[in-house]
Amino acid sequence: MKTKLVVISQFCISFLIVLALTMGGVAKAQDTPAGKSSSVSAADKLFMKKAAKGGMMEVAMGKLAEQKAQSEDVKSFGKRMVTDHSKANDELKKIAAEKNVKLPAKEPTVSWSSDKAYMDAMVKDHEKDLAEFKQEASNGSDPDVKKFADDTAKMVQEHLDLAKETQGKLK
């Protein structure tokens, strides 16, 4: 009888140890980024994804402008787009990682037609982007995303002014 009691006690203790280790593993998994769901609103996520996609497009087009533009002003503008938007993209990726938001990663396919077409597109794109970034800065719900939008809106405004100036030189 005593042997039966020892075996049952050992079994129960073993079971409790396994259970404790299993529950500890589950709790640990929930603390990891893969186990966390994002607390960012759907509207903020949509903004982040659009900003990431737009930022990658600016970098790709800027690289193409550096290589193919005829005007030195357009080449310089392209270089600035690569520098500034790469920095903004990195900042957005950092925020997205902290918030567990998956951003698009596929590099956009771009083509070149002319300096004028590029600058016309840059003016139009930066006007649209400025409105979207100001909207997010005012109405977003996540404070980190709002700050990113506000800070980046200032950069986008500078780009818009520079794009208009460069566009004016091409006429």
Protein backbone atom coordinates (compact mmCIF):
# COMPACT_ATOMS: atom_id res chain seq x y z
CA MET A 1 0.00 0.00 0.00
CA LYS A 2 2.82 2.37 0.89
CA THR A 3 4.45 1.71 -2.52
CA LYS A 4 1.17 2.55 -4.28
CA LEU A 5 0.96 5.83 -2.37
CA VAL A 6 4.56 6.76 -3.30
CA VAL A 7 3.93 5.97 -6.99
CA ILE A 8 0.71 8.01 -7.04
CA SER A 9 2.44 10.91 -5.24
CA GLN A 10 5.34 10.86 -7.68
CA PHE A 11 2.89 10.76 -10.59
CA CYS A 12 0.95 13.75 -9.24
CA ILE A 13 4.12 15.73 -8.58
CA SER A 14 5.40 14.95 -12.10
CA PHE A 15 2.07 16.00 -13.56
CA LEU A 16 2.14 19.31 -11.66
CA ILE A 17 5.71 20.01 -12.78
CA VAL A 18 4.81 19.37 -16.43
CA LEU A 19 1.70 21.52 -16.06
CA ALA A 20 3.69 24.38 -14.50
CA LEU A 21 6.32 24.24 -17.24
CA THR A 22 3.64 24.18 -19.94
CA MET A 23 1.77 27.13 -18.48
CA GLY A 24 5.02 29.06 -18.11
CA GLY A 25 5.73 28.44 -21.80
CA VAL A 26 2.28 29.68 -22.79
CA ALA A 27 2.70 32.83 -20.71
CA LYS A 28 6.14 33.44 -22.25
CA ALA A 29 4.76 32.95 -25.76
CA GLN A 30 2.12 35.58 -25.11
CA ASP A 31 4.83 38.09 -24.20
CA THR A 32 6.64 37.69 -27.51
CA PRO A 33 5.76 39.86 -30.52
CA ALA A 34 4.38 36.85 -32.40
CA GLY A 35 2.02 36.18 -29.50
CA LYS A 36 0.81 39.76 -29.22
CA SER A 37 -1.98 41.26 -31.20
CA SER A 38 -1.68 44.88 -32.18
CA SER A 39 -3.56 47.54 -30.23
CA VAL A 40 -3.32 49.97 -33.15
CA SER A 41 -6.66 50.97 -34.68
CA ALA A 42 -7.61 49.80 -38.16
CA ALA A 43 -7.38 53.39 -39.45
CA ASP A 44 -3.87 53.83 -38.02
CA LYS A 45 -2.79 50.47 -39.51
CA LEU A 46 -4.14 51.51 -42.91
CA PHE A 47 -2.24 54.81 -42.69
CA MET A 48 0.97 52.98 -41.73
CA LYS A 49 0.64 50.55 -44.63
CA LYS A 50 -0.08 53.32 -47.14
CA ALA A 51 2.80 55.41 -45.77
CA ALA A 52 5.18 52.44 -46.05
CA LYS A 53 4.11 51.70 -49.61
CA GLY A 54 4.35 55.38 -50.59
CA GLY A 55 7.72 55.75 -48.90
CA MET A 56 9.14 52.76 -50.77
CA MET A 57 7.82 54.23 -54.03
CA GLU A 58 9.50 57.59 -53.28
CA VAL A 59 12.83 55.83 -52.67
CA ALA A 60 12.55 53.73 -55.85
CA MET A 61 11.57 56.72 -57.99
CA GLY A 62 14.28 58.87 -56.38
CA LYS A 63 16.94 56.28 -57.26
CA LEU A 64 15.68 56.23 -60.84
CA ALA A 65 15.75 60.04 -60.98
CA GLU A 66 19.36 60.05 -59.74
CA GLN A 67 20.31 57.71 -62.58
CA LYS A 68 18.16 58.86 -65.50
CA ALA A 69 17.28 62.54 -65.04
CA GLN A 70 18.73 65.04 -67.50
CA SER A 71 18.48 68.02 -65.13
CA GLU A 72 20.91 68.29 -62.20
CA ASP A 73 18.07 69.80 -60.15
CA VAL A 74 15.92 66.71 -60.77
CA LYS A 75 18.85 64.41 -59.90
CA SER A 76 19.39 66.36 -56.68
CA PHE A 77 15.67 66.17 -55.86
CA GLY A 78 15.74 62.40 -56.45
CA LYS A 79 18.72 62.02 -54.13
CA ARG A 80 16.91 63.96 -51.41
CA MET A 81 13.85 61.71 -51.81
CA VAL A 82 16.04 58.63 -51.32
CA THR A 83 17.73 60.05 -48.22
CA ASP A 84 14.67 61.50 -46.49
CA HIS A 85 12.19 58.75 -47.32
CA SER A 86 14.67 55.99 -46.39
CA LYS A 87 14.99 57.60 -42.97
CA ALA A 88 11.21 57.98 -42.60
CA ASN A 89 10.68 54.39 -43.77
CA ASP A 90 13.13 53.13 -41.13
CA GLU A 91 11.32 55.09 -38.42
CA LEU A 92 7.95 53.71 -39.56
CA LYS A 93 9.34 50.15 -39.58
CA LYS A 94 10.54 50.64 -35.99
CA ILE A 95 7.11 51.84 -34.85
CA ALA A 96 5.40 49.01 -36.74
CA ALA A 97 7.65 46.42 -35.08
CA GLU A 98 6.89 47.86 -31.64
CA LYS A 99 3.15 47.83 -32.39
CA ASN A 100 3.24 44.42 -34.11
CA VAL A 101 1.90 45.85 -37.39
CA LYS A 102 2.99 44.09 -40.57
CA LEU A 103 3.98 46.54 -43.30
CA PRO A 104 4.24 45.77 -47.01
CA ALA A 105 7.79 44.80 -47.94
CA LYS A 106 7.58 44.27 -51.70
CA GLU A 107 9.73 46.76 -53.57
CA PRO A 108 7.66 48.68 -56.14
CA THR A 109 8.37 48.41 -59.84
CA VAL A 110 8.98 51.85 -61.35
CA SER A 111 9.79 53.19 -64.78
CA TRP A 112 11.12 56.48 -66.14
CA SER A 113 9.65 58.64 -68.87
CA SER A 114 11.05 62.17 -68.36
CA ASP A 115 12.21 64.78 -65.87
CA LYS A 116 8.96 66.71 -66.30
CA ALA A 117 6.74 63.66 -65.83
CA TYR A 118 8.66 62.75 -62.67
CA MET A 119 8.42 66.23 -61.18
CA ASP A 120 4.72 66.54 -62.11
CA ALA A 121 4.10 63.23 -60.33
CA MET A 122 6.14 64.35 -57.30
CA VAL A 123 4.11 67.55 -56.90
CA LYS A 124 0.81 65.66 -57.18
CA ASP A 125 1.97 62.83 -54.90
CA HIS A 126 3.34 65.14 -52.20
CA GLU A 127 0.13 67.21 -52.20
CA LYS A 128 -1.87 64.02 -51.60
CA ASP A 129 0.61 62.72 -49.01
CA LEU A 130 0.65 66.00 -47.11
CA ALA A 131 -3.13 65.88 -46.71
CA GLU A 132 -3.01 62.26 -45.51
CA PHE A 133 -0.19 62.87 -43.03
CA LYS A 134 -1.91 65.97 -41.61
CA GLN A 135 -5.16 63.99 -41.29
CA GLU A 136 -3.40 61.21 -39.36
CA ALA A 137 -1.51 63.71 -37.18
CA SER A 138 -4.84 65.34 -36.23
CA ASN A 139 -7.17 62.36 -36.04
CA GLY A 140 -5.05 59.27 -35.46
CA SER A 141 -5.54 57.32 -32.26
CA ASP A 142 -2.05 55.94 -31.55
CA PRO A 143 0.27 58.62 -30.10
CA ASP A 144 3.44 57.20 -31.72
CA VAL A 145 1.81 56.98 -35.15
CA LYS A 146 0.40 60.51 -34.74
CA LYS A 147 3.85 61.86 -33.85
CA PHE A 148 5.38 60.08 -36.85
CA ALA A 149 2.68 61.58 -39.10
CA ASP A 150 3.20 65.07 -37.69
CA ASP A 151 7.00 64.94 -37.98
CA THR A 152 6.86 63.46 -41.46
CA ALA A 153 4.24 65.98 -42.63
CA LYS A 154 6.84 68.71 -42.08
CA MET A 155 9.28 66.82 -44.31
CA VAL A 156 6.59 66.24 -46.94
CA GLN A 157 5.82 69.98 -46.95
CA GLU A 158 9.50 70.72 -47.60
CA HIS A 159 9.49 68.17 -50.42
CA LEU A 160 6.35 69.68 -51.94
CA ASP A 161 7.89 73.16 -51.91
CA LEU A 162 11.11 71.84 -53.45
CA ALA A 163 9.19 69.80 -56.04
CA LYS A 164 7.24 72.88 -57.15
CA GLU A 165 10.43 74.90 -57.34
CA THR A 166 12.20 72.20 -59.37
CA GLN A 167 9.14 71.72 -61.58
CA GLY A 168 9.15 75.46 -62.32
CA LYS A 169 12.75 75.28 -63.55
CA LEU A 170 11.86 72.67 -66.18
CA LYS A 171 9.45 74.82 -68.22
